[in-house]
Amino acid sequence: MATKIFVGKRSEIDVKSSRKLRIENIDIALFHLSDGSVLAVENKCPHKGGLLSEGMVCGGKVHCPLHDWKVDLRSGKVQEPDEGCVTTFTTEVDEQSGDIYITI
């Protein structure tokens, strides 16, 4: 059963930055992109387990800090020629309040 969880305010995360959180034993990286969207992925690169929350955000991708693998924050897929995928989570932002919700 999917659960929608309040995780904070968009204003609490700088643009092109991230925030780490743990929900139901899942480590999640929450990213605030320059277009205002907020996206959430599993906070673990499929290559060597690097913390994606510590990576550099460029457009809709995050670069893993360990070996520069590029992970698409919308699909979770790793950019070719590398292969792999991380779990993505549905996020919603209330445009009035800036409240962020993740569905687990």
PDB file of N, CA and C in Angstrom:
ATOM      1  N   MET A   1       0.838  -1.179   0.000  1.00  0.00           N
ATOM      2  CA  MET A   1       0.000   0.000   0.000  1.00  0.00           C
ATOM      3  C   MET A   1       0.889   1.251   0.000  1.00  0.00           C
ATOM      4  N   ALA A   2       0.647   2.156  -0.903  1.00  0.00           N
ATOM      5  CA  ALA A   2       1.438   3.383  -1.012  1.00  0.00           C
ATOM      6  C   ALA A   2       1.060   4.349   0.105  1.00  0.00           C
ATOM      7  N   THR A   3       2.080   5.004   0.645  1.00  0.00           N
ATOM      8  CA  THR A   3       1.884   5.980   1.707  1.00  0.00           C
ATOM      9  C   THR A   3       2.497   7.307   1.292  1.00  0.00           C
ATOM     10  N   LYS A   4       1.722   8.385   1.419  1.00  0.00           N
ATOM     11  CA  LYS A   4       2.189   9.730   1.097  1.00  0.00           C
ATOM     12  C   LYS A   4       2.670  10.376   2.401  1.00  0.00           C
ATOM     13  N   ILE A   5       3.941  10.824   2.391  1.00  0.00           N
ATOM     14  CA  ILE A   5       4.580  11.316   3.610  1.00  0.00           C
ATOM     15  C   ILE A   5       5.099  12.736   3.405  1.00  0.00           C
ATOM     16  N   PHE A   6       4.797  13.634   4.347  1.00  0.00           N
ATOM     17  CA  PHE A   6       5.344  14.984   4.341  1.00  0.00           C
ATOM     18  C   PHE A   6       6.814  14.900   4.738  1.00  0.00           C
ATOM     19  N   VAL A   7       7.702  15.535   3.923  1.00  0.00           N
ATOM     20  CA  VAL A   7       9.143  15.435   4.204  1.00  0.00           C
ATOM     21  C   VAL A   7       9.832  16.790   4.384  1.00  0.00           C
ATOM     22  N   GLY A   8       9.110  17.890   4.252  1.00  0.00           N
ATOM     23  CA  GLY A   8       9.713  19.199   4.454  1.00  0.00           C
ATOM     24  C   GLY A   8       9.185  20.228   3.475  1.00  0.00           C
ATOM     25  N   LYS A   9       9.871  21.364   3.447  1.00  0.00           N
ATOM     26  CA  LYS A   9       9.489  22.481   2.573  1.00  0.00           C
ATOM     27  C   LYS A   9      10.526  22.655   1.472  1.00  0.00           C
ATOM     28  N   ARG A  10      10.067  23.021   0.297  1.00  0.00           N
ATOM     29  CA  ARG A  10      10.977  23.249  -0.828  1.00  0.00           C
ATOM     30  C   ARG A  10      12.012  24.320  -0.479  1.00  0.00           C
ATOM     31  N   SER A  11      11.609  25.338   0.265  1.00  0.00           N
ATOM     32  CA  SER A  11      12.526  26.425   0.631  1.00  0.00           C
ATOM     33  C   SER A  11      13.671  25.966   1.531  1.00  0.00           C
ATOM     34  N   GLU A  12      13.564  24.789   2.117  1.00  0.00           N
ATOM     35  CA  GLU A  12      14.614  24.260   2.990  1.00  0.00           C
ATOM     36  C   GLU A  12      15.760  23.611   2.208  1.00  0.00           C
ATOM     37  N   ILE A  13      15.572  23.450   0.902  1.00  0.00           N
ATOM     38  CA  ILE A  13      16.606  22.830   0.064  1.00  0.00           C
ATOM     39  C   ILE A  13      17.038  23.844  -0.984  1.00  0.00           C
ATOM     40  N   ASP A  14      18.309  24.203  -0.975  1.00  0.00           N
ATOM     41  CA  ASP A  14      18.816  25.147  -1.971  1.00  0.00           C
ATOM     42  C   ASP A  14      18.641  24.578  -3.374  1.00  0.00           C
ATOM     43  N   VAL A  15      18.463  25.452  -4.363  1.00  0.00           N
ATOM     44  CA  VAL A  15      18.352  25.031  -5.753  1.00  0.00           C
ATOM     45  C   VAL A  15      19.654  24.334  -6.160  1.00  0.00           C
ATOM     46  N   LYS A  16      19.510  23.237  -6.899  1.00  0.00           N
ATOM     47  CA  LYS A  16      20.623  22.393  -7.364  1.00  0.00           C
ATOM     48  C   LYS A  16      21.355  21.724  -6.200  1.00  0.00           C
ATOM     49  N   SER A  17      20.618  21.534  -5.088  1.00  0.00           N
ATOM     50  CA  SER A  17      21.170  20.858  -3.918  1.00  0.00           C
ATOM     51  C   SER A  17      20.263  19.698  -3.531  1.00  0.00           C
ATOM     52  N   SER A  18      20.667  19.010  -2.470  1.00  0.00           N
ATOM     53  CA  SER A  18      19.906  17.845  -2.040  1.00  0.00           C
ATOM     54  C   SER A  18      19.767  17.813  -0.528  1.00  0.00           C
ATOM     55  N   ARG A  19      18.970  16.874  -0.113  1.00  0.00           N
ATOM     56  CA  ARG A  19      18.756  16.612   1.305  1.00  0.00           C
ATOM     57  C   ARG A  19      18.627  15.107   1.462  1.00  0.00           C
ATOM     58  N   LYS A  20      19.232  14.574   2.510  1.00  0.00           N
ATOM     59  CA  LYS A  20      19.132  13.134   2.788  1.00  0.00           C
ATOM     60  C   LYS A  20      18.020  12.898   3.791  1.00  0.00           C
ATOM     61  N   LEU A  21      17.299  11.791   3.605  1.00  0.00           N
ATOM     62  CA  LEU A  21      16.334  11.374   4.604  1.00  0.00           C
ATOM     63  C   LEU A  21      16.216   9.865   4.600  1.00  0.00           C
ATOM     64  N   ARG A  22      15.656   9.356   5.663  1.00  0.00           N
ATOM     65  CA  ARG A  22      15.456   7.917   5.791  1.00  0.00           C
ATOM     66  C   ARG A  22      13.992   7.687   6.149  1.00  0.00           C
ATOM     67  N   ILE A  23      13.325   6.901   5.316  1.00  0.00           N
ATOM     68  CA  ILE A  23      11.923   6.584   5.530  1.00  0.00           C
ATOM     69  C   ILE A  23      11.765   5.078   5.390  1.00  0.00           C
ATOM     70  N   GLU A  24      11.184   4.461   6.412  1.00  0.00           N
ATOM     71  CA  GLU A  24      10.936   3.015   6.385  1.00  0.00           C
ATOM     72  C   GLU A  24      12.180   2.234   5.973  1.00  0.00           C
ATOM     73  N   ASN A  25      13.315   2.548   6.583  1.00  0.00           N
ATOM     74  CA  ASN A  25      14.599   1.882   6.318  1.00  0.00           C
ATOM     75  C   ASN A  25      15.116   2.069   4.898  1.00  0.00           C
ATOM     76  N   ILE A  26      14.648   3.104   4.221  1.00  0.00           N
ATOM     77  CA  ILE A  26      15.118   3.418   2.872  1.00  0.00           C
ATOM     78  C   ILE A  26      15.848   4.754   2.920  1.00  0.00           C
ATOM     79  N   ASP A  27      17.092   4.784   2.444  1.00  0.00           N
ATOM     80  CA  ASP A  27      17.838   6.035   2.352  1.00  0.00           C
ATOM     81  C   ASP A  27      17.452   6.718   1.048  1.00  0.00           C
ATOM     82  N   ILE A  28      16.999   7.961   1.163  1.00  0.00           N
ATOM     83  CA  ILE A  28      16.467   8.707   0.021  1.00  0.00           C
ATOM     84  C   ILE A  28      17.230  10.020  -0.122  1.00  0.00           C
ATOM     85  N   ALA A  29      17.483  10.398  -1.377  1.00  0.00           N
ATOM     86  CA  ALA A  29      18.059  11.703  -1.687  1.00  0.00           C
ATOM     87  C   ALA A  29      16.969  12.523  -2.358  1.00  0.00           C
ATOM     88  N   LEU A  30      16.735  13.706  -1.825  1.00  0.00           N
ATOM     89  CA  LEU A  30      15.713  14.615  -2.331  1.00  0.00           C
ATOM     90  C   LEU A  30      16.434  15.776  -2.996  1.00  0.00           C
ATOM     91  N   PHE A  31      16.120  16.056  -4.267  1.00  0.00           N
ATOM     92  CA  PHE A  31      16.814  17.084  -5.042  1.00  0.00           C
ATOM     93  C   PHE A  31      15.879  18.205  -5.441  1.00  0.00           C
ATOM     94  N   HIS A  32      16.346  19.451  -5.310  1.00  0.00           N
ATOM     95  CA  HIS A  32      15.600  20.640  -5.735  1.00  0.00           C
ATOM     96  C   HIS A  32      16.274  21.136  -7.013  1.00  0.00           C
ATOM     97  N   LEU A  33      15.613  20.957  -8.145  1.00  0.00           N
ATOM     98  CA  LEU A  33      16.192  21.316  -9.434  1.00  0.00           C
ATOM     99  C   LEU A  33      15.958  22.788  -9.753  1.00  0.00           C
ATOM    100  N   SER A  34      16.713  23.300 -10.719  1.00  0.00           N
ATOM    101  CA  SER A  34      16.632  24.721 -11.070  1.00  0.00           C
ATOM    102  C   SER A  34      15.282  25.105 -11.673  1.00  0.00           C
ATOM    103  N   ASP A  35      14.518  24.137 -12.178  1.00  0.00           N
ATOM    104  CA  ASP A  35      13.181  24.443 -12.709  1.00  0.00           C
ATOM    105  C   ASP A  35      12.118  24.481 -11.606  1.00  0.00           C
ATOM    106  N   GLY A  36      12.545  24.292 -10.353  1.00  0.00           N
ATOM    107  CA  GLY A  36      11.625  24.332  -9.220  1.00  0.00           C
ATOM    108  C   GLY A  36      11.090  22.976  -8.801  1.00  0.00           C
ATOM    109  N   SER A  37      11.291  21.958  -9.632  1.00  0.00           N
ATOM    110  CA  SER A  37      10.787  20.641  -9.278  1.00  0.00           C
ATOM    111  C   SER A  37      11.635  20.023  -8.168  1.00  0.00           C
ATOM    112  N   VAL A  38      11.019  19.094  -7.452  1.00  0.00           N
ATOM    113  CA  VAL A  38      11.707  18.350  -6.400  1.00  0.00           C
ATOM    114  C   VAL A  38      11.549  16.873  -6.736  1.00  0.00           C
ATOM    115  N   LEU A  39      12.674  16.159  -6.809  1.00  0.00           N
ATOM    116  CA  LEU A  39      12.661  14.747  -7.180  1.00  0.00           C
ATOM    117  C   LEU A  39      13.356  13.923  -6.107  1.00  0.00           C
ATOM    118  N   ALA A  40      12.945  12.668  -5.979  1.00  0.00           N
ATOM    119  CA  ALA A  40      13.501  11.795  -4.955  1.00  0.00           C
ATOM    120  C   ALA A  40      13.929  10.467  -5.563  1.00  0.00           C
ATOM    121  N   VAL A  41      15.139  10.027  -5.177  1.00  0.00           N
ATOM    122  CA  VAL A  41      15.671   8.742  -5.627  1.00  0.00           C
ATOM    123  C   VAL A  41      16.333   8.041  -4.444  1.00  0.00           C
ATOM    124  N   GLU A  42      16.514   6.748  -4.612  1.00  0.00           N
ATOM    125  CA  GLU A  42      17.295   5.989  -3.641  1.00  0.00           C
ATOM    126  C   GLU A  42      18.692   6.608  -3.567  1.00  0.00           C
ATOM    127  N   ASN A  43      19.204   6.799  -2.366  1.00  0.00           N
ATOM    128  CA  ASN A  43      20.470   7.512  -2.174  1.00  0.00           C
ATOM    129  C   ASN A  43      21.666   6.563  -2.263  1.00  0.00           C
ATOM    130  N   LYS A  44      21.741   5.826  -3.380  1.00  0.00           N
ATOM    131  CA  LYS A  44      22.818   4.850  -3.520  1.00  0.00           C
ATOM    132  C   LYS A  44      23.048   4.562  -5.000  1.00  0.00           C
ATOM    133  N   CYS A  45      24.217   4.928  -5.496  1.00  0.00           N
ATOM    134  CA  CYS A  45      24.550   4.647  -6.887  1.00  0.00           C
ATOM    135  C   CYS A  45      24.602   3.131  -7.110  1.00  0.00           C
ATOM    136  N   PRO A  46      24.065   2.652  -8.228  1.00  0.00           N
ATOM    137  CA  PRO A  46      24.081   1.201  -8.482  1.00  0.00           C
ATOM    138  C   PRO A  46      25.474   0.643  -8.776  1.00  0.00           C
ATOM    139  N   HIS A  47      26.453   1.504  -8.995  1.00  0.00           N
ATOM    140  CA  HIS A  47      27.803   1.063  -9.327  1.00  0.00           C
ATOM    141  C   HIS A  47      28.563   0.605  -8.085  1.00  0.00           C
ATOM    142  N   LYS A  48      28.904   1.532  -7.203  1.00  0.00           N
ATOM    143  CA  LYS A  48      29.675   1.195  -6.001  1.00  0.00           C
ATOM    144  C   LYS A  48      29.032   1.729  -4.728  1.00  0.00           C
ATOM    145  N   GLY A  49      27.771   2.128  -4.817  1.00  0.00           N
ATOM    146  CA  GLY A  49      27.046   2.555  -3.628  1.00  0.00           C
ATOM    147  C   GLY A  49      27.320   3.970  -3.163  1.00  0.00           C
ATOM    148  N   GLY A  50      27.888   4.810  -4.041  1.00  0.00           N
ATOM    149  CA  GLY A  50      28.146   6.203  -3.673  1.00  0.00           C
ATOM    150  C   GLY A  50      26.867   6.925  -3.296  1.00  0.00           C
ATOM    151  N   LEU A  51      26.969   7.866  -2.356  1.00  0.00           N
ATOM    152  CA  LEU A  51      25.794   8.619  -1.916  1.00  0.00           C
ATOM    153  C   LEU A  51      25.453   9.691  -2.949  1.00  0.00           C
ATOM    154  N   LEU A  52      24.359   9.493  -3.650  1.00  0.00           N
ATOM    155  CA  LEU A  52      23.961  10.430  -4.695  1.00  0.00           C
ATOM    156  C   LEU A  52      23.667  11.814  -4.128  1.00  0.00           C
ATOM    157  N   SER A  53      23.257  11.885  -2.870  1.00  0.00           N
ATOM    158  CA  SER A  53      22.977  13.176  -2.243  1.00  0.00           C
ATOM    159  C   SER A  53      24.232  14.048  -2.154  1.00  0.00           C
ATOM    160  N   GLU A  54      25.398  13.452  -2.302  1.00  0.00           N
ATOM    161  CA  GLU A  54      26.664  14.197  -2.261  1.00  0.00           C
ATOM    162  C   GLU A  54      27.174  14.535  -3.662  1.00  0.00           C
ATOM    163  N   GLY A  55      26.415  14.150  -4.680  1.00  0.00           N
ATOM    164  CA  GLY A  55      26.819  14.396  -6.062  1.00  0.00           C
ATOM    165  C   GLY A  55      26.425  15.771  -6.555  1.00  0.00           C
ATOM    166  N   MET A  56      26.976  16.128  -7.713  1.00  0.00           N
ATOM    167  CA  MET A  56      26.686  17.408  -8.338  1.00  0.00           C
ATOM    168  C   MET A  56      25.462  17.265  -9.246  1.00  0.00           C
ATOM    169  N   VAL A  57      24.527  18.201  -9.122  1.00  0.00           N
ATOM    170  CA  VAL A  57      23.321  18.200  -9.943  1.00  0.00           C
ATOM    171  C   VAL A  57      23.580  19.030 -11.188  1.00  0.00           C
ATOM    172  N   CYS A  58      23.256  18.453 -12.343  1.00  0.00           N
ATOM    173  CA  CYS A  58      23.419  19.152 -13.609  1.00  0.00           C
ATOM    174  C   CYS A  58      22.179  18.851 -14.446  1.00  0.00           C
ATOM    175  N   GLY A  59      21.329  19.854 -14.623  1.00  0.00           N
ATOM    176  CA  GLY A  59      20.064  19.611 -15.326  1.00  0.00           C
ATOM    177  C   GLY A  59      19.212  18.662 -14.505  1.00  0.00           C
ATOM    178  N   GLY A  60      18.741  17.606 -15.134  1.00  0.00           N
ATOM    179  CA  GLY A  60      17.919  16.614 -14.453  1.00  0.00           C
ATOM    180  C   GLY A  60      18.697  15.387 -14.035  1.00  0.00           C
ATOM    181  N   LYS A  61      20.025  15.519 -13.952  1.00  0.00           N
ATOM    182  CA  LYS A  61      20.874  14.374 -13.582  1.00  0.00           C
ATOM    183  C   LYS A  61      21.721  14.720 -12.373  1.00  0.00           C
ATOM    184  N   VAL A  62      22.121  13.677 -11.652  1.00  0.00           N
ATOM    185  CA  VAL A  62      23.093  13.845 -10.573  1.00  0.00           C
ATOM    186  C   VAL A  62      24.304  12.997 -10.940  1.00  0.00           C
ATOM    187  N   HIS A  63      25.484  13.538 -10.685  1.00  0.00           N
ATOM    188  CA  HIS A  63      26.739  12.841 -10.954  1.00  0.00           C
ATOM    189  C   HIS A  63      27.191  12.182  -9.657  1.00  0.00           C
ATOM    190  N   CYS A  64      27.342  10.865  -9.664  1.00  0.00           N
ATOM    191  CA  CYS A  64      27.800  10.160  -8.469  1.00  0.00           C
ATOM    192  C   CYS A  64      29.175  10.705  -8.068  1.00  0.00           C
ATOM    193  N   PRO A  65      29.375  10.992  -6.787  1.00  0.00           N
ATOM    194  CA  PRO A  65      30.650  11.559  -6.351  1.00  0.00           C
ATOM    195  C   PRO A  65      31.820  10.578  -6.412  1.00  0.00           C
ATOM    196  N   LEU A  66      31.562   9.289  -6.513  1.00  0.00           N
ATOM    197  CA  LEU A  66      32.662   8.320  -6.534  1.00  0.00           C
ATOM    198  C   LEU A  66      33.306   8.169  -7.906  1.00  0.00           C
ATOM    199  N   HIS A  67      32.482   7.890  -8.931  1.00  0.00           N
ATOM    200  CA  HIS A  67      33.041   7.595 -10.248  1.00  0.00           C
ATOM    201  C   HIS A  67      32.336   8.347 -11.372  1.00  0.00           C
ATOM    202  N   ASP A  68      31.601   9.392 -11.031  1.00  0.00           N
ATOM    203  CA  ASP A  68      30.959  10.289 -12.001  1.00  0.00           C
ATOM    204  C   ASP A  68      29.903   9.616 -12.881  1.00  0.00           C
ATOM    205  N   TRP A  69      29.309   8.521 -12.408  1.00  0.00           N
ATOM    206  CA  TRP A  69      28.183   7.965 -13.155  1.00  0.00           C
ATOM    207  C   TRP A  69      27.050   8.990 -13.095  1.00  0.00           C
ATOM    208  N   LYS A  70      26.327   9.148 -14.195  1.00  0.00           N
ATOM    209  CA  LYS A  70      25.247  10.127 -14.275  1.00  0.00           C
ATOM    210  C   LYS A  70      23.906   9.400 -14.172  1.00  0.00           C
ATOM    211  N   VAL A  71      23.104   9.808 -13.194  1.00  0.00           N
ATOM    212  CA  VAL A  71      21.813   9.175 -12.937  1.00  0.00           C
ATOM    213  C   VAL A  71      20.704  10.175 -13.234  1.00  0.00           C
ATOM    214  N   ASP A  72      19.785   9.780 -14.111  1.00  0.00           N
ATOM    215  CA  ASP A  72      18.632  10.616 -14.435  1.00  0.00           C
ATOM    216  C   ASP A  72      17.690  10.622 -13.232  1.00  0.00           C
ATOM    217  N   LEU A  73      17.395  11.793 -12.701  1.00  0.00           N
ATOM    218  CA  LEU A  73      16.593  11.891 -11.484  1.00  0.00           C
ATOM    219  C   LEU A  73      15.114  11.610 -11.712  1.00  0.00           C
ATOM    220  N   ARG A  74      14.661  11.658 -12.955  1.00  0.00           N
ATOM    221  CA  ARG A  74      13.246  11.360 -13.228  1.00  0.00           C
ATOM    222  C   ARG A  74      13.012   9.863 -13.447  1.00  0.00           C
ATOM    223  N   SER A  75      13.897   9.219 -14.191  1.00  0.00           N
ATOM    224  CA  SER A  75      13.709   7.801 -14.512  1.00  0.00           C
ATOM    225  C   SER A  75      14.503   6.873 -13.601  1.00  0.00           C
ATOM    226  N   GLY A  76      15.579   7.384 -13.003  1.00  0.00           N
ATOM    227  CA  GLY A  76      16.460   6.551 -12.186  1.00  0.00           C
ATOM    228  C   GLY A  76      17.519   5.819 -12.985  1.00  0.00           C
ATOM    229  N   LYS A  77      17.460   5.943 -14.325  1.00  0.00           N
ATOM    230  CA  LYS A  77      18.396   5.210 -15.181  1.00  0.00           C
ATOM    231  C   LYS A  77      19.757   5.893 -15.245  1.00  0.00           C
ATOM    232  N   VAL A  78      20.784   5.062 -15.309  1.00  0.00           N
ATOM    233  CA  VAL A  78      22.156   5.539 -15.453  1.00  0.00           C
ATOM    234  C   VAL A  78      22.410   5.827 -16.923  1.00  0.00           C
ATOM    235  N   GLN A  79      23.139   6.904 -17.193  1.00  0.00           N
ATOM    236  CA  GLN A  79      23.454   7.294 -18.568  1.00  0.00           C
ATOM    237  C   GLN A  79      24.452   6.320 -19.188  1.00  0.00           C
ATOM    238  N   GLU A  80      24.209   5.965 -20.458  1.00  0.00           N
ATOM    239  CA  GLU A  80      25.124   5.088 -21.200  1.00  0.00           C
ATOM    240  C   GLU A  80      26.474   5.772 -21.356  1.00  0.00           C
ATOM    241  N   PRO A  81      27.552   5.052 -21.443  1.00  0.00           N
ATOM    242  CA  PRO A  81      27.653   3.615 -21.651  1.00  0.00           C
ATOM    243  C   PRO A  81      27.508   2.801 -20.365  1.00  0.00           C
ATOM    244  N   ASP A  82      27.388   3.471 -19.202  1.00  0.00           N
ATOM    245  CA  ASP A  82      27.208   2.732 -17.955  1.00  0.00           C
ATOM    246  C   ASP A  82      25.794   2.172 -17.909  1.00  0.00           C
ATOM    247  N   GLU A  83      25.587   1.190 -17.042  1.00  0.00           N
ATOM    248  CA  GLU A  83      24.284   0.548 -16.950  1.00  0.00           C
ATOM    249  C   GLU A  83      23.855   0.449 -15.496  1.00  0.00           C
ATOM    250  N   GLY A  84      22.568   0.565 -15.273  1.00  0.00           N
ATOM    251  CA  GLY A  84      22.024   0.420 -13.934  1.00  0.00           C
ATOM    252  C   GLY A  84      20.838   1.339 -13.742  1.00  0.00           C
ATOM    253  N   CYS A  85      20.244   1.236 -12.573  1.00  0.00           N
ATOM    254  CA  CYS A  85      19.060   2.018 -12.278  1.00  0.00           C
ATOM    255  C   CYS A  85      18.908   2.136 -10.767  1.00  0.00           C
ATOM    256  N   VAL A  86      18.374   3.262 -10.315  1.00  0.00           N
ATOM    257  CA  VAL A  86      18.027   3.433  -8.907  1.00  0.00           C
ATOM    258  C   VAL A  86      16.517   3.601  -8.809  1.00  0.00           C
ATOM    259  N   THR A  87      15.989   3.305  -7.641  1.00  0.00           N
ATOM    260  CA  THR A  87      14.558   3.473  -7.399  1.00  0.00           C
ATOM    261  C   THR A  87      14.223   4.962  -7.323  1.00  0.00           C
ATOM    262  N   THR A  88      13.147   5.353  -7.980  1.00  0.00           N
ATOM    263  CA  THR A  88      12.650   6.727  -7.888  1.00  0.00           C
ATOM    264  C   THR A  88      11.369   6.718  -7.057  1.00  0.00           C
ATOM    265  N   PHE A  89      11.050   7.857  -6.486  1.00  0.00           N
ATOM    266  CA  PHE A  89       9.854   7.978  -5.667  1.00  0.00           C
ATOM    267  C   PHE A  89       9.030   9.159  -6.175  1.00  0.00           C
ATOM    268  N   THR A  90       7.726   8.991  -6.216  1.00  0.00           N
ATOM    269  CA  THR A  90       6.834  10.059  -6.644  1.00  0.00           C
ATOM    270  C   THR A  90       6.868  11.178  -5.608  1.00  0.00           C
ATOM    271  N   THR A  91       7.068  12.398  -6.093  1.00  0.00           N
ATOM    272  CA  THR A  91       7.057  13.559  -5.209  1.00  0.00           C
ATOM    273  C   THR A  91       5.967  14.523  -5.650  1.00  0.00           C
ATOM    274  N   GLU A  92       5.435  15.242  -4.685  1.00  0.00           N
ATOM    275  CA  GLU A  92       4.462  16.297  -4.949  1.00  0.00           C
ATOM    276  C   GLU A  92       4.863  17.511  -4.140  1.00  0.00           C
ATOM    277  N   VAL A  93       4.739  18.688  -4.736  1.00  0.00           N
ATOM    278  CA  VAL A  93       5.004  19.933  -4.026  1.00  0.00           C
ATOM    279  C   VAL A  93       3.735  20.769  -4.072  1.00  0.00           C
ATOM    280  N   ASP A  94       3.247  21.162  -2.909  1.00  0.00           N
ATOM    281  CA  ASP A  94       2.106  22.059  -2.834  1.00  0.00           C
ATOM    282  C   ASP A  94       2.618  23.446  -3.199  1.00  0.00           C
ATOM    283  N   GLU A  95       2.170  23.990  -4.322  1.00  0.00           N
ATOM    284  CA  GLU A  95       2.688  25.264  -4.821  1.00  0.00           C
ATOM    285  C   GLU A  95       2.355  26.433  -3.890  1.00  0.00           C
ATOM    286  N   GLN A  96       1.290  26.333  -3.120  1.00  0.00           N
ATOM    287  CA  GLN A  96       0.925  27.396  -2.180  1.00  0.00           C
ATOM    288  C   GLN A  96       1.875  27.429  -0.985  1.00  0.00           C
ATOM    289  N   SER A  97       2.065  26.278  -0.350  1.00  0.00           N
ATOM    290  CA  SER A  97       2.825  26.207   0.903  1.00  0.00           C
ATOM    291  C   SER A  97       4.281  25.810   0.705  1.00  0.00           C
ATOM    292  N   GLY A  98       4.587  25.161  -0.437  1.00  0.00           N
ATOM    293  CA  GLY A  98       5.932  24.627  -0.654  1.00  0.00           C
ATOM    294  C   GLY A  98       6.169  23.303   0.045  1.00  0.00           C
ATOM    295  N   ASP A  99       5.124  22.723   0.628  1.00  0.00           N
ATOM    296  CA  ASP A  99       5.251  21.435   1.303  1.00  0.00           C
ATOM    297  C   ASP A  99       5.588  20.340   0.297  1.00  0.00           C
ATOM    298  N   ILE A 100       6.527  19.472   0.670  1.00  0.00           N
ATOM    299  CA  ILE A 100       6.956  18.358  -0.185  1.00  0.00           C
ATOM    300  C   ILE A 100       6.434  17.055   0.396  1.00  0.00           C
ATOM    301  N   TYR A 101       5.863  16.220  -0.473  1.00  0.00           N
ATOM    302  CA  TYR A 101       5.377  14.904  -0.086  1.00  0.00           C
ATOM    303  C   TYR A 101       6.028  13.849  -0.981  1.00  0.00           C
ATOM    304  N   ILE A 102       6.394  12.729  -0.383  1.00  0.00           N
ATOM    305  CA  ILE A 102       6.920  11.590  -1.131  1.00  0.00           C
ATOM    306  C   ILE A 102       5.967  10.420  -0.925  1.00  0.00           C
ATOM    307  N   THR A 103       5.742   9.679  -2.009  1.00  0.00           N
ATOM    308  CA  THR A 103       4.927   8.467  -1.910  1.00  0.00           C
ATOM    309  C   THR A 103       5.856   7.255  -1.868  1.00  0.00           C
ATOM    310  N   ILE A 104       5.712   6.476  -0.809  1.00  0.00           N
ATOM    311  CA  ILE A 104       6.522   5.264  -0.614  1.00  0.00           C
ATOM    312  C   ILE A 104       5.627   4.058  -0.824  1.00  0.00           C
TER     313      ILE A 104
END
